[in-house]
Amino acid sequence: MTEQVNEPQGEKLQKVLARAGLGSRREMERLISLGKVSVNGATARLGDRVGAEDKIEYDGKRIQAAPVVKQRTRVILYNKPEGQICSRNDPEGRPTVYDNLPKIAQSRWISVGRLDFNTSGLLLFTNDGELANKLMHPSTGIDREYLVRIQGEVDNDMLQRLRDGVLLEDGIARFTDIVEGQKESKNRWFYCVVMEGRNREVRRLWESQEVRVSRLKRVRYGNIFIPSHVRAGQWVELTEKDVGELCDTAGLAPPPKPKYSPELRRSRERHQRKLRKANTSRTRR
């Protein structure tokens, strides 16, 4: 006689919270572990599943667990300047990347990874928690390319060590590719690629070789590059084609093609013209 196995009931709690726009699944798992989420009055635990009848609260605020109408999947690219943090709020009052992002109705922007305070460049945001989680997960193997300025002596042996792998405090790390860029008196520029999103990984790799990173900018995330007309502190919404390719890279089905109202189309066109006009004004100066 075959033993009957009961299928788990409901959805994973972190998935429901992420879909509600509170953050990525990884962030939601952390909040659950910290005891900030309750289900039916009891502190939630990792592995909990919930259904439409369950009462979910985060920091005392009720979260709707019932299935919701799927919003149009949106992704924006933000060109982060140095001197901004990637948290929504900062006790020290420093500017955050969220200060410059557009408002989004009935949802919130979820950051796809982070850049540290002194790193600039490409940062992606989406309203889709599942997409954000997939894009960040190490198993997806999405490469991130950085432009870095190095102060100090760099030779071929050092570059080979960085390609082969260096033991850092959190394990072996390596660049999958390093290409030399322009030279600048005592400084040298390099394009380097990593396949993970570990904290300050690029800086730590170079610093393990006793050289100094004086500038660091992310220029690519998977197939997405910073457009030349998007300056530091500006954002642009990705096209449906780019969003579809990101979903494919993450192993997700592409979202259905959205229907745009004439006003939404005009709004996107106005924003593109605004970016290009600002870019032209800076060039003329």
Protein backbone atom coordinates (compact mmCIF):
# COMPACT_ATOMS: atom_id res chain seq x y z
CA MET A 1 0.00 0.00 0.00
CA THR A 2 1.43 3.38 -0.99
CA GLU A 3 1.64 5.85 1.87
CA GLN A 4 -0.24 9.05 1.11
CA VAL A 5 1.83 12.21 1.46
CA ASN A 6 -0.05 15.36 2.34
CA GLU A 7 0.93 18.37 0.27
CA PRO A 8 1.80 21.52 2.23
CA GLN A 9 -1.16 23.85 2.47
CA GLY A 10 -1.00 27.52 1.58
CA GLU A 11 1.86 29.66 0.29
CA LYS A 12 5.18 30.32 1.95
CA LEU A 13 4.87 33.36 4.18
CA GLN A 14 7.91 35.12 2.71
CA LYS A 15 6.44 34.79 -0.79
CA VAL A 16 3.15 36.38 0.28
CA LEU A 17 4.99 39.26 1.96
CA ALA A 18 7.22 39.83 -1.05
CA ARG A 19 4.24 39.84 -3.39
CA ALA A 20 2.63 42.47 -1.16
CA GLY A 21 5.56 44.73 -2.04
CA LEU A 22 7.37 44.73 1.32
CA GLY A 23 10.69 43.63 -0.17
CA SER A 24 12.46 40.65 -1.67
CA ARG A 25 11.91 37.13 -0.34
CA ARG A 26 15.38 37.19 1.19
CA GLU A 27 14.53 40.40 3.05
CA MET A 28 11.23 38.90 4.18
CA GLU A 29 13.00 35.81 5.51
CA ARG A 30 15.22 38.10 7.58
CA LEU A 31 12.21 39.99 8.98
CA ILE A 32 10.52 36.70 9.89
CA SER A 33 13.71 35.51 11.63
CA LEU A 34 13.80 38.77 13.60
CA GLY A 35 10.28 38.13 14.87
CA LYS A 36 8.71 41.16 13.16
CA VAL A 37 5.92 39.16 11.49
CA SER A 38 2.96 37.47 13.15
CA VAL A 39 0.32 35.06 11.85
CA ASN A 40 -3.00 34.86 13.67
CA GLY A 41 -1.48 36.63 16.67
CA ALA A 42 1.54 34.33 17.03
CA THR A 43 5.11 35.19 16.06
CA ALA A 44 5.80 33.69 12.64
CA ARG A 45 8.64 31.27 11.92
CA LEU A 46 10.57 30.47 8.77
CA GLY A 47 8.74 27.74 6.90
CA ASP A 48 5.27 28.94 7.86
CA ARG A 49 2.62 28.76 5.16
CA VAL A 50 -0.48 30.92 5.02
CA GLY A 51 -3.79 31.05 3.24
CA ALA A 52 -6.42 33.67 2.51
CA GLU A 53 -8.08 33.13 5.89
CA ASP A 54 -4.93 33.84 7.93
CA LYS A 55 -4.31 37.19 9.63
CA ILE A 56 -0.79 38.41 8.84
CA GLU A 57 0.75 41.45 10.52
CA TYR A 58 4.09 43.18 10.02
CA ASP A 59 5.07 45.70 12.70
CA GLY A 60 1.44 45.77 13.80
CA LYS A 61 0.08 46.53 10.32
CA ARG A 62 -2.31 44.06 8.67
CA ILE A 63 -1.04 42.51 5.43
CA GLN A 64 -3.53 41.16 2.91
CA ALA A 65 -2.71 37.51 2.24
CA ALA A 66 -5.45 36.80 -0.28
CA PRO A 67 -4.43 36.44 -3.93
CA VAL A 68 -4.05 39.85 -5.53
CA VAL A 69 -4.40 41.01 -9.08
CA LYS A 70 -1.02 40.71 -10.72
CA GLN A 71 0.38 44.16 -11.37
CA ARG A 72 2.30 44.98 -14.49
CA THR A 73 5.90 43.94 -13.87
CA ARG A 74 8.01 47.07 -13.88
CA VAL A 75 11.77 47.52 -13.68
CA ILE A 76 13.63 50.80 -13.46
CA LEU A 77 17.33 51.45 -13.82
CA TYR A 78 18.81 54.03 -11.44
CA ASN A 79 22.27 55.51 -11.90
CA LYS A 80 23.35 55.75 -8.27
CA PRO A 81 25.77 58.53 -7.33
CA GLU A 82 28.36 58.11 -4.60
CA GLY A 83 27.15 59.27 -1.21
CA GLN A 84 23.76 57.54 -1.16
CA ILE A 85 22.78 54.49 0.87
CA CYS A 86 20.52 51.68 -0.36
CA SER A 87 18.27 51.56 2.73
CA ARG A 88 14.85 53.21 2.77
CA ASN A 89 15.70 55.19 5.90
CA ASP A 90 18.95 56.15 7.58
CA PRO A 91 19.27 57.06 11.29
CA GLU A 92 22.15 59.39 10.35
CA GLY A 93 19.98 61.29 7.89
CA ARG A 94 22.09 60.48 4.83
CA PRO A 95 20.40 60.59 1.40
CA THR A 96 19.04 57.27 0.13
CA VAL A 97 18.54 55.93 -3.38
CA TYR A 98 14.79 55.89 -2.75
CA ASP A 99 14.69 59.69 -2.50
CA ASN A 100 15.01 60.03 -6.29
CA LEU A 101 12.76 57.18 -7.42
CA PRO A 102 9.30 57.76 -8.95
CA LYS A 103 6.19 57.00 -6.94
CA ILE A 104 4.48 53.69 -7.65
CA ALA A 105 0.79 53.13 -6.93
CA GLN A 106 -0.30 50.31 -4.58
CA SER A 107 3.20 48.85 -4.36
CA ARG A 108 6.80 49.75 -3.57
CA TRP A 109 10.14 49.50 -5.31
CA ILE A 110 12.33 46.53 -4.36
CA SER A 111 16.07 46.89 -4.83
CA VAL A 112 17.80 44.14 -6.82
CA GLY A 113 20.91 43.94 -4.68
CA ARG A 114 22.77 46.90 -3.23
CA LEU A 115 25.73 49.17 -3.81
CA ASP A 116 27.73 50.52 -0.91
CA PHE A 117 27.90 54.18 0.07
CA ASN A 118 31.00 54.97 -2.00
CA THR A 119 30.07 52.89 -5.07
CA SER A 120 28.16 54.42 -7.97
CA GLY A 121 26.41 53.06 -11.03
CA LEU A 122 23.67 50.72 -12.15
CA LEU A 123 21.01 49.71 -9.64
CA LEU A 124 17.81 47.93 -10.64
CA PHE A 125 14.44 48.23 -8.88
CA THR A 126 11.27 46.25 -9.52
CA ASN A 127 7.76 45.95 -8.10
CA ASP A 128 7.92 42.14 -8.49
CA GLY A 129 9.31 40.42 -5.38
CA GLU A 130 9.75 37.06 -7.11
CA LEU A 131 11.75 38.61 -9.96
CA ALA A 132 13.95 40.52 -7.49
CA ASN A 133 14.61 37.35 -5.51
CA LYS A 134 15.52 35.33 -8.60
CA LEU A 135 17.84 38.04 -9.97
CA MET A 136 19.74 38.19 -6.66
CA HIS A 137 19.94 34.47 -5.93
CA PRO A 138 23.47 33.02 -6.42
CA SER A 139 22.09 30.00 -8.29
CA THR A 140 20.96 32.26 -11.14
CA GLY A 141 24.59 33.10 -11.92
CA ILE A 142 24.02 36.61 -13.30
CA ASP A 143 27.22 38.52 -13.93
CA ARG A 144 27.81 42.05 -12.68
CA GLU A 145 30.39 44.22 -14.40
CA TYR A 146 32.25 47.05 -12.67
CA LEU A 147 34.59 49.80 -13.79
CA VAL A 148 37.28 50.27 -11.15
CA ARG A 149 40.17 52.71 -10.77
CA ILE A 150 43.20 51.23 -9.03
CA GLN A 151 46.05 53.02 -7.27
CA GLY A 152 49.13 50.84 -6.93
CA GLU A 153 51.20 48.40 -8.95
CA VAL A 154 49.22 45.84 -10.93
CA ASP A 155 51.00 43.07 -12.84
CA ASN A 156 49.89 40.01 -14.80
CA ASP A 157 50.52 37.67 -11.86
CA MET A 158 48.14 39.70 -9.71
CA LEU A 159 45.44 39.63 -12.40
CA GLN A 160 45.80 35.87 -12.72
CA ARG A 161 45.45 35.41 -8.95
CA LEU A 162 42.24 37.45 -9.04
CA ARG A 163 40.92 35.24 -11.85
CA ASP A 164 41.94 31.99 -10.13
CA GLY A 165 40.36 32.92 -6.81
CA VAL A 166 41.38 34.58 -3.56
CA LEU A 167 40.44 33.43 -0.06
CA LEU A 168 38.46 36.18 1.66
CA GLU A 169 36.93 36.04 5.15
CA ASP A 170 33.68 34.66 3.70
CA GLY A 171 35.22 32.15 1.29
CA ILE A 172 36.86 31.98 -2.13
CA ALA A 173 36.03 34.83 -4.50
CA ARG A 174 37.20 35.57 -8.03
CA PHE A 175 36.72 37.72 -11.07
CA THR A 176 35.41 35.75 -14.03
CA ASP A 177 36.88 38.38 -16.35
CA ILE A 178 39.24 41.36 -16.10
CA VAL A 179 39.92 43.73 -19.00
CA GLU A 180 42.24 46.71 -18.72
CA GLY A 181 40.80 50.10 -19.59
CA GLN A 182 42.51 53.46 -19.95
CA LYS A 183 45.59 54.55 -18.04
CA GLU A 184 45.67 57.76 -16.01
CA SER A 185 49.17 58.75 -14.83
CA LYS A 186 49.59 56.58 -11.70
CA ASN A 187 46.06 55.16 -11.89
CA ARG A 188 44.81 52.27 -13.99
CA TRP A 189 41.22 51.44 -14.91
CA PHE A 190 39.89 47.89 -15.21
CA TYR A 191 36.56 46.33 -16.18
CA CYS A 192 35.97 43.32 -13.93
CA VAL A 193 33.10 40.84 -13.65
CA VAL A 194 31.76 38.90 -10.64
CA MET A 195 28.96 36.33 -10.57
CA GLU A 196 27.79 36.96 -7.00
CA GLY A 197 26.52 39.88 -4.97
CA ARG A 198 28.60 39.52 -1.81
CA ASN A 199 29.09 42.58 0.37
CA ARG A 200 31.90 44.81 -1.00
CA GLU A 201 33.26 41.83 -2.94
CA VAL A 202 34.96 43.82 -5.72
CA ARG A 203 36.73 46.16 -3.28
CA ARG A 204 37.83 43.30 -1.04
CA LEU A 205 39.24 41.32 -3.95
CA TRP A 206 41.44 44.20 -5.09
CA GLU A 207 42.41 45.20 -1.56
CA SER A 208 43.54 41.62 -0.88
CA GLN A 209 46.33 42.38 -3.38
CA GLU A 210 47.43 45.47 -1.41
CA VAL A 211 46.24 48.03 -3.94
CA ARG A 212 43.69 50.80 -3.38
CA VAL A 213 40.31 51.18 -5.07
CA SER A 214 39.80 54.92 -5.62
CA ARG A 215 36.66 54.71 -7.81
CA LEU A 216 34.12 51.96 -8.33
CA LYS A 217 31.11 52.00 -10.63
CA ARG A 218 28.77 49.20 -11.69
CA VAL A 219 28.15 49.45 -15.42
CA ARG A 220 26.22 46.25 -16.19
CA TYR A 221 23.84 43.78 -14.52
CA GLY A 222 23.27 40.74 -16.74
CA ASN A 223 22.20 42.08 -20.12
CA ILE A 224 21.38 45.58 -18.80
CA PHE A 225 23.86 48.45 -19.31
CA ILE A 226 23.61 52.07 -18.15
CA PRO A 227 22.39 54.17 -21.11
CA SER A 228 24.75 57.04 -21.88
CA HIS A 229 21.98 59.64 -21.43
CA VAL A 230 21.10 58.52 -17.88
CA ARG A 231 23.31 60.60 -15.61
CA ALA A 232 24.07 60.07 -11.91
CA GLY A 233 20.92 60.54 -9.85
CA GLN A 234 18.59 59.84 -12.79
CA TRP A 235 16.40 56.82 -13.52
CA VAL A 236 14.77 55.29 -16.59
CA GLU A 237 12.13 52.58 -16.91
CA LEU A 238 13.17 49.49 -18.85
CA THR A 239 11.27 48.52 -21.97
CA GLU A 240 9.04 45.45 -22.06
CA LYS A 241 11.69 43.73 -24.20
CA ASP A 242 14.36 44.31 -21.53
CA VAL A 243 12.02 43.19 -18.75
CA GLY A 244 11.19 40.04 -20.71
CA GLU A 245 14.89 39.28 -21.16
CA LEU A 246 15.52 39.82 -17.44
CA CYS A 247 12.71 37.39 -16.61
CA ASP A 248 14.20 34.86 -19.03
CA THR A 249 17.62 35.28 -17.40
CA ALA A 250 16.03 34.72 -14.00
CA GLY A 251 14.26 31.57 -15.22
CA LEU A 252 10.79 33.11 -15.07
CA ALA A 253 8.11 33.31 -17.73
CA PRO A 254 7.99 36.75 -19.36
CA PRO A 255 5.12 38.92 -18.12
CA PRO A 256 2.13 39.41 -20.41
CA LYS A 257 2.41 42.38 -22.71
CA PRO A 258 0.80 45.32 -20.92
CA LYS A 259 -1.81 47.62 -22.36
CA TYR A 260 -0.79 51.24 -22.05
CA SER A 261 -3.14 54.15 -21.79
CA PRO A 262 -2.31 57.11 -24.06
CA GLU A 263 -1.45 59.17 -20.96
CA LEU A 264 1.03 56.58 -19.69
CA ARG A 265 2.71 56.45 -23.08
CA ARG A 266 3.00 60.23 -23.13
CA SER A 267 4.36 60.24 -19.59
CA ARG A 268 7.14 57.79 -20.50
CA GLU A 269 8.01 59.77 -23.62
CA ARG A 270 8.18 63.01 -21.62
CA HIS A 271 10.56 61.43 -19.12
CA GLN A 272 12.86 60.19 -21.90
CA ARG A 273 12.91 63.66 -23.48
CA LYS A 274 13.67 65.20 -20.08
CA LEU A 275 16.70 62.95 -19.58
CA ARG A 276 18.07 63.64 -23.05
CA LYS A 277 17.51 67.39 -22.68
CA ALA A 278 19.40 67.43 -19.37
CA ASN A 279 22.19 65.43 -20.98
CA THR A 280 22.42 67.88 -23.92
CA SER A 281 22.54 70.89 -21.55
CA ARG A 282 25.46 69.40 -19.61
CA THR A 283 27.34 68.60 -22.83
CA ARG A 284 27.02 72.19 -24.08
CA ARG A 285 28.46 73.55 -20.86
